[in-house]
Amino acid sequence: MTKEKTDPLFSTKRRRGRPVDFSEIVANIQAENQRKIDQSKPQEELIVPLEVLVESAEFRSADVTVSDQFIGVGHREYRTGQVQGATYQVSGHDVVRELSFAGGWPEIVGENVRAYVFKGKTVELSVNPFNASPYEMQHAGSVYHERDFEEKEQALRIEVLDENGKVSRTYKAAGR
């Protein structure tokens, strides 16, 4: 059985006898970018509430250090602070089983909460490879598309709900 060999798009073998239509390639890139843009949503629309019951928690803390030398041995490290966070096992949602939260350690075990998560993913746009600068090749831009919930999600904000479903306390993730 013989395998049919295909030539790369820009090989001299493929171009022999017929020129490559660069305008068609550029038009395809532009059409694909437009499709990505049309399917995109603003970041704010992709932050969605998720109501769950917090079953258990695991708290963590780590030192942050910086070094005064990046190459070689014998460099000094300086402790510059700490990062804190928590991981919560949750129930009451079809998919999500774990919420992580950056910063602070809210004591919310046994509480019903509304956690706001970013339900989006970053999609990179393409550039015209025939006239883009090296910077443009690296920084073409990006848009956000909606994604499905995952088993582990990152909470940006947590609202603790009382027995009437009203917000009794609010916690914001570090850096938010």
N, C-alpha and C. Protein backbone atom coordinates (compact mmCIF):
# COMPACT_ATOMS: atom_id res chain seq x y z
N MET A 1 0.85 -1.17 0.00
CA MET A 1 0.00 0.00 0.00
C MET A 1 0.90 1.24 0.00
N THR A 2 0.68 2.14 -0.92
CA THR A 2 1.50 3.35 -1.00
C THR A 2 0.75 4.52 -0.39
N LYS A 3 1.52 5.34 0.27
CA LYS A 3 0.96 6.54 0.88
C LYS A 3 1.11 7.69 -0.09
N GLU A 4 0.05 8.46 -0.23
CA GLU A 4 0.11 9.62 -1.11
C GLU A 4 0.82 10.74 -0.37
N LYS A 5 1.84 11.28 -0.98
CA LYS A 5 2.63 12.33 -0.35
C LYS A 5 2.06 13.68 -0.75
N THR A 6 1.86 14.54 0.26
CA THR A 6 1.37 15.89 -0.05
C THR A 6 2.51 16.86 0.17
N ASP A 7 2.59 17.84 -0.69
CA ASP A 7 3.64 18.84 -0.61
C ASP A 7 3.17 20.00 0.27
N PRO A 8 4.09 20.59 1.01
CA PRO A 8 3.74 21.76 1.81
C PRO A 8 3.19 22.88 0.93
N LEU A 9 2.40 23.76 1.54
CA LEU A 9 1.72 24.82 0.80
C LEU A 9 2.67 25.68 -0.02
N PHE A 10 3.86 26.00 0.51
CA PHE A 10 4.75 26.93 -0.17
C PHE A 10 5.94 26.25 -0.84
N SER A 11 5.90 24.95 -1.01
CA SER A 11 7.04 24.26 -1.64
C SER A 11 7.11 24.62 -3.11
N THR A 12 8.34 24.54 -3.67
CA THR A 12 8.51 24.87 -5.09
C THR A 12 7.81 23.85 -5.97
N LYS A 13 7.72 22.61 -5.50
CA LYS A 13 7.03 21.58 -6.26
C LYS A 13 5.56 21.95 -6.45
N ARG A 14 4.94 22.40 -5.37
CA ARG A 14 3.52 22.71 -5.42
C ARG A 14 3.27 23.94 -6.29
N ARG A 15 4.17 24.93 -6.22
CA ARG A 15 3.97 26.17 -6.95
C ARG A 15 4.28 26.04 -8.43
N ARG A 16 5.03 25.04 -8.80
CA ARG A 16 5.44 24.88 -10.19
C ARG A 16 4.21 24.82 -11.09
N GLY A 17 4.12 25.73 -11.99
CA GLY A 17 3.02 25.69 -12.96
C GLY A 17 1.83 26.54 -12.54
N ARG A 18 1.69 26.84 -11.25
CA ARG A 18 0.57 27.69 -10.83
C ARG A 18 1.02 28.53 -9.63
N PRO A 19 0.75 29.80 -9.69
CA PRO A 19 1.18 30.69 -8.61
C PRO A 19 0.31 30.52 -7.36
N VAL A 20 0.92 30.80 -6.22
CA VAL A 20 0.19 30.77 -4.96
C VAL A 20 -0.61 32.07 -4.86
N ASP A 21 -1.88 31.95 -4.50
CA ASP A 21 -2.74 33.12 -4.38
C ASP A 21 -2.70 33.62 -2.93
N PHE A 22 -1.80 34.59 -2.67
CA PHE A 22 -1.64 35.11 -1.32
C PHE A 22 -2.88 35.85 -0.85
N SER A 23 -3.59 36.48 -1.76
CA SER A 23 -4.79 37.23 -1.36
C SER A 23 -5.85 36.27 -0.81
N GLU A 24 -5.90 35.07 -1.34
CA GLU A 24 -6.86 34.07 -0.83
C GLU A 24 -6.47 33.64 0.59
N ILE A 25 -5.18 33.47 0.82
CA ILE A 25 -4.70 33.09 2.16
C ILE A 25 -5.02 34.20 3.16
N VAL A 26 -4.75 35.44 2.79
CA VAL A 26 -5.04 36.58 3.66
C VAL A 26 -6.55 36.70 3.92
N ALA A 27 -7.35 36.50 2.88
CA ALA A 27 -8.81 36.57 3.04
C ALA A 27 -9.30 35.49 4.00
N ASN A 28 -8.72 34.30 3.94
CA ASN A 28 -9.10 33.22 4.86
C ASN A 28 -8.74 33.57 6.30
N ILE A 29 -7.58 34.17 6.51
CA ILE A 29 -7.17 34.60 7.85
C ILE A 29 -8.13 35.66 8.38
N GLN A 30 -8.48 36.63 7.53
CA GLN A 30 -9.41 37.69 7.95
C GLN A 30 -10.80 37.13 8.25
N ALA A 31 -11.26 36.17 7.44
CA ALA A 31 -12.57 35.57 7.67
C ALA A 31 -12.59 34.78 8.98
N GLU A 32 -11.50 34.05 9.26
CA GLU A 32 -11.41 33.29 10.51
C GLU A 32 -11.37 34.23 11.72
N ASN A 33 -10.63 35.33 11.62
CA ASN A 33 -10.61 36.31 12.71
C ASN A 33 -11.99 36.91 12.92
N GLN A 34 -12.69 37.22 11.84
CA GLN A 34 -14.03 37.79 11.97
C GLN A 34 -14.98 36.80 12.63
N ARG A 35 -14.84 35.51 12.30
CA ARG A 35 -15.67 34.47 12.94
C ARG A 35 -15.39 34.43 14.44
N LYS A 36 -14.11 34.51 14.81
CA LYS A 36 -13.74 34.50 16.23
C LYS A 36 -14.31 35.73 16.94
N ILE A 37 -14.25 36.88 16.30
CA ILE A 37 -14.77 38.12 16.89
C ILE A 37 -16.29 38.05 17.02
N ASP A 38 -16.97 37.53 16.00
CA ASP A 38 -18.43 37.42 16.05
C ASP A 38 -18.91 36.51 17.17
N GLN A 39 -18.15 35.47 17.49
CA GLN A 39 -18.53 34.53 18.54
C GLN A 39 -18.08 34.99 19.92
N SER A 40 -17.33 36.07 20.00
CA SER A 40 -16.78 36.52 21.28
C SER A 40 -17.82 37.25 22.12
N LYS A 41 -17.50 37.35 23.41
CA LYS A 41 -18.34 38.07 24.36
C LYS A 41 -17.44 38.95 25.21
N PRO A 42 -18.00 40.07 25.73
CA PRO A 42 -17.21 40.89 26.65
C PRO A 42 -16.89 40.11 27.93
N GLN A 43 -15.76 40.41 28.53
CA GLN A 43 -15.31 39.71 29.73
C GLN A 43 -16.35 39.78 30.85
N GLU A 44 -17.01 40.93 31.00
CA GLU A 44 -17.99 41.10 32.08
C GLU A 44 -19.17 40.14 31.94
N GLU A 45 -19.58 39.83 30.70
CA GLU A 45 -20.70 38.91 30.47
C GLU A 45 -20.34 37.47 30.82
N LEU A 46 -19.06 37.17 30.88
CA LEU A 46 -18.63 35.80 31.13
C LEU A 46 -18.36 35.52 32.61
N ILE A 47 -18.56 36.52 33.46
CA ILE A 47 -18.46 36.30 34.91
C ILE A 47 -19.87 35.97 35.38
N VAL A 48 -20.07 34.70 35.74
CA VAL A 48 -21.42 34.20 36.03
C VAL A 48 -21.52 33.70 37.47
N PRO A 49 -22.72 33.81 38.08
CA PRO A 49 -22.92 33.32 39.43
C PRO A 49 -23.14 31.81 39.45
N LEU A 50 -22.72 31.19 40.53
CA LEU A 50 -22.82 29.75 40.70
C LEU A 50 -23.21 29.51 42.15
N GLU A 51 -24.41 28.99 42.41
CA GLU A 51 -24.86 28.78 43.79
C GLU A 51 -24.61 27.34 44.20
N VAL A 52 -23.86 27.18 45.31
CA VAL A 52 -23.46 25.86 45.79
C VAL A 52 -23.44 25.85 47.32
N LEU A 53 -23.36 24.64 47.87
CA LEU A 53 -23.19 24.43 49.31
C LEU A 53 -21.74 24.04 49.54
N VAL A 54 -21.05 24.72 50.46
CA VAL A 54 -19.65 24.42 50.76
C VAL A 54 -19.59 23.27 51.75
N GLU A 55 -18.98 22.16 51.35
CA GLU A 55 -18.90 20.95 52.18
C GLU A 55 -17.67 20.94 53.08
N SER A 56 -16.50 21.30 52.53
CA SER A 56 -15.26 21.29 53.31
C SER A 56 -14.28 22.28 52.70
N ALA A 57 -13.21 22.56 53.45
CA ALA A 57 -12.23 23.54 52.99
C ALA A 57 -10.81 23.09 53.31
N GLU A 58 -9.89 23.54 52.48
CA GLU A 58 -8.46 23.32 52.70
C GLU A 58 -7.79 24.67 52.48
N PHE A 59 -7.09 25.15 53.51
CA PHE A 59 -6.45 26.46 53.43
C PHE A 59 -4.98 26.29 53.12
N ARG A 60 -4.40 27.27 52.41
CA ARG A 60 -2.99 27.19 52.05
C ARG A 60 -2.35 28.56 52.15
N SER A 61 -1.05 28.54 52.40
CA SER A 61 -0.28 29.77 52.49
C SER A 61 1.12 29.45 51.98
N ALA A 62 1.73 30.39 51.28
CA ALA A 62 3.09 30.18 50.77
C ALA A 62 3.86 31.49 50.82
N ASP A 63 5.16 31.38 51.10
CA ASP A 63 6.02 32.56 51.11
C ASP A 63 6.36 32.95 49.68
N VAL A 64 6.47 34.24 49.45
CA VAL A 64 6.89 34.77 48.16
C VAL A 64 8.30 35.31 48.36
N THR A 65 9.21 34.88 47.48
CA THR A 65 10.59 35.34 47.58
C THR A 65 11.04 35.90 46.24
N VAL A 66 12.02 36.77 46.30
CA VAL A 66 12.66 37.27 45.09
C VAL A 66 14.17 37.07 45.25
N SER A 67 14.85 36.97 44.14
CA SER A 67 16.29 36.75 44.16
C SER A 67 16.99 37.96 43.57
N ASP A 68 18.23 38.21 44.03
CA ASP A 68 18.99 39.33 43.47
C ASP A 68 19.92 38.87 42.35
N GLN A 69 19.92 37.58 42.02
CA GLN A 69 20.77 37.06 40.96
C GLN A 69 20.00 35.98 40.22
N PHE A 70 19.94 36.08 38.91
CA PHE A 70 19.14 35.14 38.12
C PHE A 70 19.98 34.01 37.52
N ILE A 71 21.29 34.21 37.40
CA ILE A 71 22.15 33.21 36.78
C ILE A 71 23.28 32.88 37.76
N GLY A 72 23.63 31.61 37.85
CA GLY A 72 24.74 31.21 38.69
C GLY A 72 24.30 30.73 40.05
N VAL A 73 25.31 30.52 40.91
CA VAL A 73 25.03 30.02 42.26
C VAL A 73 25.35 31.10 43.28
N GLY A 74 24.93 30.89 44.50
CA GLY A 74 25.26 31.80 45.57
C GLY A 74 24.39 33.04 45.63
N HIS A 75 23.25 32.98 45.02
CA HIS A 75 22.39 34.17 45.06
C HIS A 75 21.59 34.21 46.36
N ARG A 76 21.20 35.40 46.74
CA ARG A 76 20.41 35.58 47.95
C ARG A 76 18.94 35.68 47.58
N GLU A 77 18.10 35.18 48.46
CA GLU A 77 16.66 35.31 48.29
C GLU A 77 16.11 36.11 49.45
N TYR A 78 15.13 36.92 49.17
CA TYR A 78 14.51 37.76 50.18
C TYR A 78 13.03 37.43 50.26
N ARG A 79 12.56 37.23 51.47
CA ARG A 79 11.14 36.97 51.67
C ARG A 79 10.41 38.30 51.52
N THR A 80 9.45 38.35 50.60
CA THR A 80 8.78 39.62 50.32
C THR A 80 7.31 39.60 50.70
N GLY A 81 6.79 38.48 51.14
CA GLY A 81 5.39 38.43 51.54
C GLY A 81 4.85 37.02 51.50
N GLN A 82 3.54 36.93 51.54
CA GLN A 82 2.86 35.65 51.51
C GLN A 82 1.67 35.70 50.56
N VAL A 83 1.34 34.56 49.98
CA VAL A 83 0.10 34.42 49.24
C VAL A 83 -0.75 33.42 50.00
N GLN A 84 -2.04 33.68 50.03
CA GLN A 84 -2.96 32.81 50.75
C GLN A 84 -4.09 32.42 49.82
N GLY A 85 -4.72 31.32 50.16
CA GLY A 85 -5.87 30.89 49.38
C GLY A 85 -6.56 29.72 50.04
N ALA A 86 -7.67 29.34 49.45
CA ALA A 86 -8.45 28.23 49.98
C ALA A 86 -9.03 27.44 48.82
N THR A 87 -9.24 26.16 49.08
CA THR A 87 -9.91 25.28 48.13
C THR A 87 -11.12 24.71 48.85
N TYR A 88 -12.28 24.85 48.26
CA TYR A 88 -13.54 24.40 48.87
C TYR A 88 -14.14 23.27 48.05
N GLN A 89 -14.52 22.19 48.73
CA GLN A 89 -15.29 21.12 48.10
C GLN A 89 -16.75 21.54 48.19
N VAL A 90 -17.46 21.51 47.07
CA VAL A 90 -18.82 22.02 47.02
C VAL A 90 -19.77 20.97 46.44
N SER A 91 -21.06 21.17 46.72
CA SER A 91 -22.10 20.31 46.14
C SER A 91 -23.25 21.20 45.70
N GLY A 92 -24.15 20.63 44.92
CA GLY A 92 -25.32 21.37 44.47
C GLY A 92 -25.23 21.85 43.03
N HIS A 93 -24.16 21.49 42.33
CA HIS A 93 -24.03 21.85 40.92
C HIS A 93 -23.75 20.58 40.14
N ASP A 94 -24.23 20.54 38.90
CA ASP A 94 -24.06 19.35 38.06
C ASP A 94 -22.61 19.02 37.75
N VAL A 95 -21.77 20.04 37.57
CA VAL A 95 -20.39 19.82 37.13
C VAL A 95 -19.36 20.22 38.18
N VAL A 96 -19.50 21.40 38.76
CA VAL A 96 -18.47 21.95 39.64
C VAL A 96 -18.45 21.21 40.98
N ARG A 97 -17.25 20.74 41.37
CA ARG A 97 -17.05 20.03 42.64
C ARG A 97 -16.07 20.73 43.56
N GLU A 98 -15.29 21.67 42.98
CA GLU A 98 -14.26 22.33 43.77
C GLU A 98 -14.14 23.80 43.34
N LEU A 99 -14.07 24.67 44.33
CA LEU A 99 -13.85 26.10 44.10
C LEU A 99 -12.55 26.50 44.77
N SER A 100 -11.68 27.18 44.03
CA SER A 100 -10.49 27.73 44.67
C SER A 100 -10.69 29.24 44.78
N PHE A 101 -10.07 29.81 45.81
CA PHE A 101 -10.25 31.22 46.11
C PHE A 101 -8.91 31.79 46.51
N ALA A 102 -8.46 32.83 45.82
CA ALA A 102 -7.15 33.44 46.08
C ALA A 102 -7.28 34.55 47.11
N GLY A 103 -6.49 34.45 48.16
CA GLY A 103 -6.45 35.49 49.17
C GLY A 103 -7.45 35.26 50.28
N GLY A 104 -7.00 35.44 51.49
CA GLY A 104 -7.88 35.29 52.64
C GLY A 104 -8.37 33.86 52.81
N TRP A 105 -8.98 33.60 53.94
CA TRP A 105 -9.52 32.28 54.24
C TRP A 105 -10.93 32.41 54.78
N PRO A 106 -11.89 32.73 53.95
CA PRO A 106 -13.24 32.86 54.47
C PRO A 106 -13.73 31.54 55.07
N GLU A 107 -14.23 31.60 56.30
CA GLU A 107 -14.80 30.42 56.96
C GLU A 107 -16.24 30.27 56.50
N ILE A 108 -16.44 29.46 55.49
CA ILE A 108 -17.78 29.34 54.91
C ILE A 108 -18.25 27.89 54.80
N VAL A 109 -17.60 26.97 55.51
CA VAL A 109 -17.99 25.57 55.46
C VAL A 109 -19.40 25.43 56.03
N GLY A 110 -20.26 24.70 55.32
CA GLY A 110 -21.64 24.51 55.73
C GLY A 110 -22.57 25.61 55.27
N GLU A 111 -22.05 26.58 54.54
CA GLU A 111 -22.84 27.73 54.09
C GLU A 111 -23.23 27.57 52.62
N ASN A 112 -24.39 28.13 52.27
CA ASN A 112 -24.78 28.27 50.87
C ASN A 112 -24.14 29.55 50.37
N VAL A 113 -23.47 29.45 49.23
CA VAL A 113 -22.77 30.62 48.69
C VAL A 113 -23.11 30.80 47.22
N ARG A 114 -22.92 32.04 46.78
CA ARG A 114 -23.00 32.37 45.36
C ARG A 114 -21.58 32.78 44.98
N ALA A 115 -20.93 31.94 44.17
CA ALA A 115 -19.56 32.22 43.74
C ALA A 115 -19.60 32.72 42.30
N TYR A 116 -18.87 33.78 42.03
CA TYR A 116 -18.79 34.32 40.68
C TYR A 116 -17.52 33.80 40.03
N VAL A 117 -17.67 33.12 38.90
CA VAL A 117 -16.54 32.53 38.19
C VAL A 117 -16.48 33.07 36.77
N PHE A 118 -15.28 33.07 36.21
CA PHE A 118 -15.09 33.48 34.81
C PHE A 118 -15.30 32.26 33.95
N LYS A 119 -16.41 32.24 33.25
CA LYS A 119 -16.77 31.09 32.41
C LYS A 119 -16.39 31.39 30.96
N GLY A 120 -15.14 31.74 30.77
CA GLY A 120 -14.66 32.08 29.44
C GLY A 120 -13.28 31.52 29.20
N LYS A 121 -12.89 31.58 27.94
CA LYS A 121 -11.53 31.17 27.56
C LYS A 121 -11.00 32.19 26.56
N THR A 122 -9.70 32.35 26.54
CA THR A 122 -9.06 33.29 25.64
C THR A 122 -8.80 32.62 24.30
N VAL A 123 -9.19 33.30 23.23
CA VAL A 123 -8.96 32.80 21.87
C VAL A 123 -8.09 33.83 21.15
N GLU A 124 -6.95 33.37 20.65
CA GLU A 124 -6.00 34.26 19.98
C GLU A 124 -6.42 34.52 18.54
N LEU A 125 -6.24 35.76 18.10
CA LEU A 125 -6.49 36.12 16.71
C LEU A 125 -5.22 35.88 15.90
N SER A 126 -5.37 35.68 14.60
CA SER A 126 -4.23 35.44 13.71
C SER A 126 -3.84 36.74 13.02
N VAL A 127 -2.62 36.78 12.51
CA VAL A 127 -2.15 37.95 11.77
C VAL A 127 -1.80 37.54 10.35
N ASN A 128 -1.70 38.53 9.49
CA ASN A 128 -1.26 38.31 8.13
C ASN A 128 0.24 38.03 8.17
N PRO A 129 0.68 36.79 7.90
CA PRO A 129 2.10 36.46 8.03
C PRO A 129 2.99 37.10 6.96
N PHE A 130 2.39 37.69 5.94
CA PHE A 130 3.18 38.23 4.84
C PHE A 130 3.63 39.66 5.07
N ASN A 131 2.98 40.39 5.98
CA ASN A 131 3.42 41.77 6.21
C ASN A 131 3.35 42.18 7.68
N ALA A 132 3.32 41.22 8.60
CA ALA A 132 3.28 41.54 10.02
C ALA A 132 4.69 41.69 10.57
N SER A 133 4.85 42.62 11.49
CA SER A 133 6.14 42.79 12.15
C SER A 133 6.32 41.67 13.17
N PRO A 134 7.54 41.45 13.65
CA PRO A 134 7.73 40.42 14.69
C PRO A 134 6.88 40.68 15.93
N TYR A 135 6.70 41.97 16.29
CA TYR A 135 5.85 42.30 17.44
C TYR A 135 4.41 41.89 17.16
N GLU A 136 3.91 42.22 15.98
CA GLU A 136 2.53 41.86 15.63
C GLU A 136 2.34 40.34 15.60
N MET A 137 3.36 39.62 15.21
CA MET A 137 3.26 38.15 15.17
C MET A 137 3.06 37.60 16.59
N GLN A 138 3.66 38.25 17.58
CA GLN A 138 3.53 37.80 18.97
C GLN A 138 2.30 38.36 19.66
N HIS A 139 1.82 39.52 19.22
CA HIS A 139 0.73 40.21 19.91
C HIS A 139 -0.41 40.52 18.94
N ALA A 140 -1.02 39.50 18.41
CA ALA A 140 -2.07 39.68 17.42
C ALA A 140 -3.37 40.14 18.05
N GLY A 141 -3.54 39.90 19.32
CA GLY A 141 -4.78 40.23 20.00
C GLY A 141 -5.56 38.97 20.35
N SER A 142 -6.56 39.14 21.17
CA SER A 142 -7.35 37.99 21.59
C SER A 142 -8.77 38.44 21.94
N VAL A 143 -9.66 37.47 21.98
CA VAL A 143 -11.05 37.69 22.36
C VAL A 143 -11.45 36.59 23.34
N TYR A 144 -12.62 36.74 23.95
CA TYR A 144 -13.10 35.74 24.90
C TYR A 144 -14.29 34.99 24.33
N HIS A 145 -14.27 33.67 24.47
CA HIS A 145 -15.39 32.82 24.09
C HIS A 145 -15.91 32.12 25.34
N GLU A 146 -17.19 31.82 25.34
CA GLU A 146 -17.78 31.09 26.46
C GLU A 146 -17.31 29.64 26.42
N ARG A 147 -17.14 29.06 27.60
CA ARG A 147 -16.73 27.66 27.72
C ARG A 147 -17.69 26.96 28.68
N ASP A 148 -17.60 25.65 28.75
CA ASP A 148 -18.40 24.88 29.69
C ASP A 148 -17.78 24.96 31.08
N PHE A 149 -18.61 24.73 32.10
CA PHE A 149 -18.09 24.65 33.46
C PHE A 149 -17.13 23.47 33.56
N GLU A 150 -16.15 23.58 34.43
CA GLU A 150 -15.22 22.49 34.70
C GLU A 150 -15.39 22.03 36.14
N GLU A 151 -14.84 20.88 36.46
CA GLU A 151 -14.96 20.33 37.81
C GLU A 151 -14.32 21.24 38.85
N LYS A 152 -13.22 21.91 38.47
CA LYS A 152 -12.52 22.84 39.36
C LYS A 152 -12.63 24.23 38.75
N GLU A 153 -13.17 25.16 39.54
CA GLU A 153 -13.33 26.53 39.08
C GLU A 153 -12.67 27.49 40.06
N GLN A 154 -12.32 28.67 39.57
CA GLN A 154 -11.70 29.72 40.38
C GLN A 154 -12.76 30.77 40.69
N ALA A 155 -13.02 31.02 41.97
CA ALA A 155 -14.00 32.03 42.38
C ALA A 155 -13.35 33.40 42.42
N LEU A 156 -13.99 34.38 41.79
CA LEU A 156 -13.50 35.76 41.81
C LEU A 156 -14.11 36.52 42.98
N ARG A 157 -15.33 36.16 43.34
CA ARG A 157 -16.03 36.77 44.47
C ARG A 157 -16.97 35.72 45.05
N ILE A 158 -17.11 35.73 46.36
CA ILE A 158 -18.01 34.79 47.04
C ILE A 158 -18.97 35.59 47.90
N GLU A 159 -20.26 35.32 47.71
CA GLU A 159 -21.29 35.93 48.55
C GLU A 159 -21.91 34.83 49.39
N VAL A 160 -21.91 34.99 50.69
CA VAL A 160 -22.52 34.02 51.60
C VAL A 160 -24.00 34.37 51.70
N LEU A 161 -24.87 33.37 51.52
CA LEU A 161 -26.31 33.59 51.52
C LEU A 161 -26.91 33.15 52.85
N ASP A 162 -27.86 33.92 53.38
CA ASP A 162 -28.55 33.51 54.60
C ASP A 162 -29.70 32.56 54.23
N GLU A 163 -30.49 32.16 55.24
CA GLU A 163 -31.56 31.19 54.99
C GLU A 163 -32.64 31.72 54.05
N ASN A 164 -32.73 33.03 53.87
CA ASN A 164 -33.71 33.63 52.95
C ASN A 164 -33.13 33.86 51.56
N GLY A 165 -31.86 33.49 51.35
CA GLY A 165 -31.22 33.68 50.06
C GLY A 165 -30.64 35.07 49.85
N LYS A 166 -30.59 35.87 50.91
CA LYS A 166 -30.02 37.22 50.82
C LYS A 166 -28.54 37.18 51.19
N VAL A 167 -27.79 38.09 50.61
CA VAL A 167 -26.34 38.14 50.83
C VAL A 167 -26.06 38.67 52.24
N SER A 168 -25.33 37.86 53.05
CA SER A 168 -24.97 38.29 54.40
C SER A 168 -23.52 38.77 54.49
N ARG A 169 -22.61 38.19 53.67
CA ARG A 169 -21.21 38.59 53.65
C ARG A 169 -20.68 38.43 52.22
N THR A 170 -19.67 39.23 51.90
CA THR A 170 -19.05 39.16 50.58
C THR A 170 -17.54 39.12 50.74
N TYR A 171 -16.88 38.25 49.97
CA TYR A 171 -15.42 38.15 49.94
C TYR A 171 -14.94 38.31 48.51
N LYS A 172 -13.94 39.15 48.28
CA LYS A 172 -13.36 39.33 46.95
C LYS A 172 -11.99 38.68 46.92
N ALA A 173 -11.69 38.03 45.81
CA ALA A 173 -10.39 37.39 45.63
C ALA A 173 -9.29 38.44 45.59
N ALA A 174 -8.09 38.06 45.96
CA ALA A 174 -6.95 38.96 45.94
C ALA A 174 -6.75 39.48 44.52
N GLY A 175 -6.49 40.76 44.40
CA GLY A 175 -6.25 41.35 43.10
C GLY A 175 -7.50 41.72 42.35
N ARG A 176 -8.67 41.57 42.93
CA ARG A 176 -9.92 41.89 42.24
C ARG A 176 -10.50 43.17 42.77
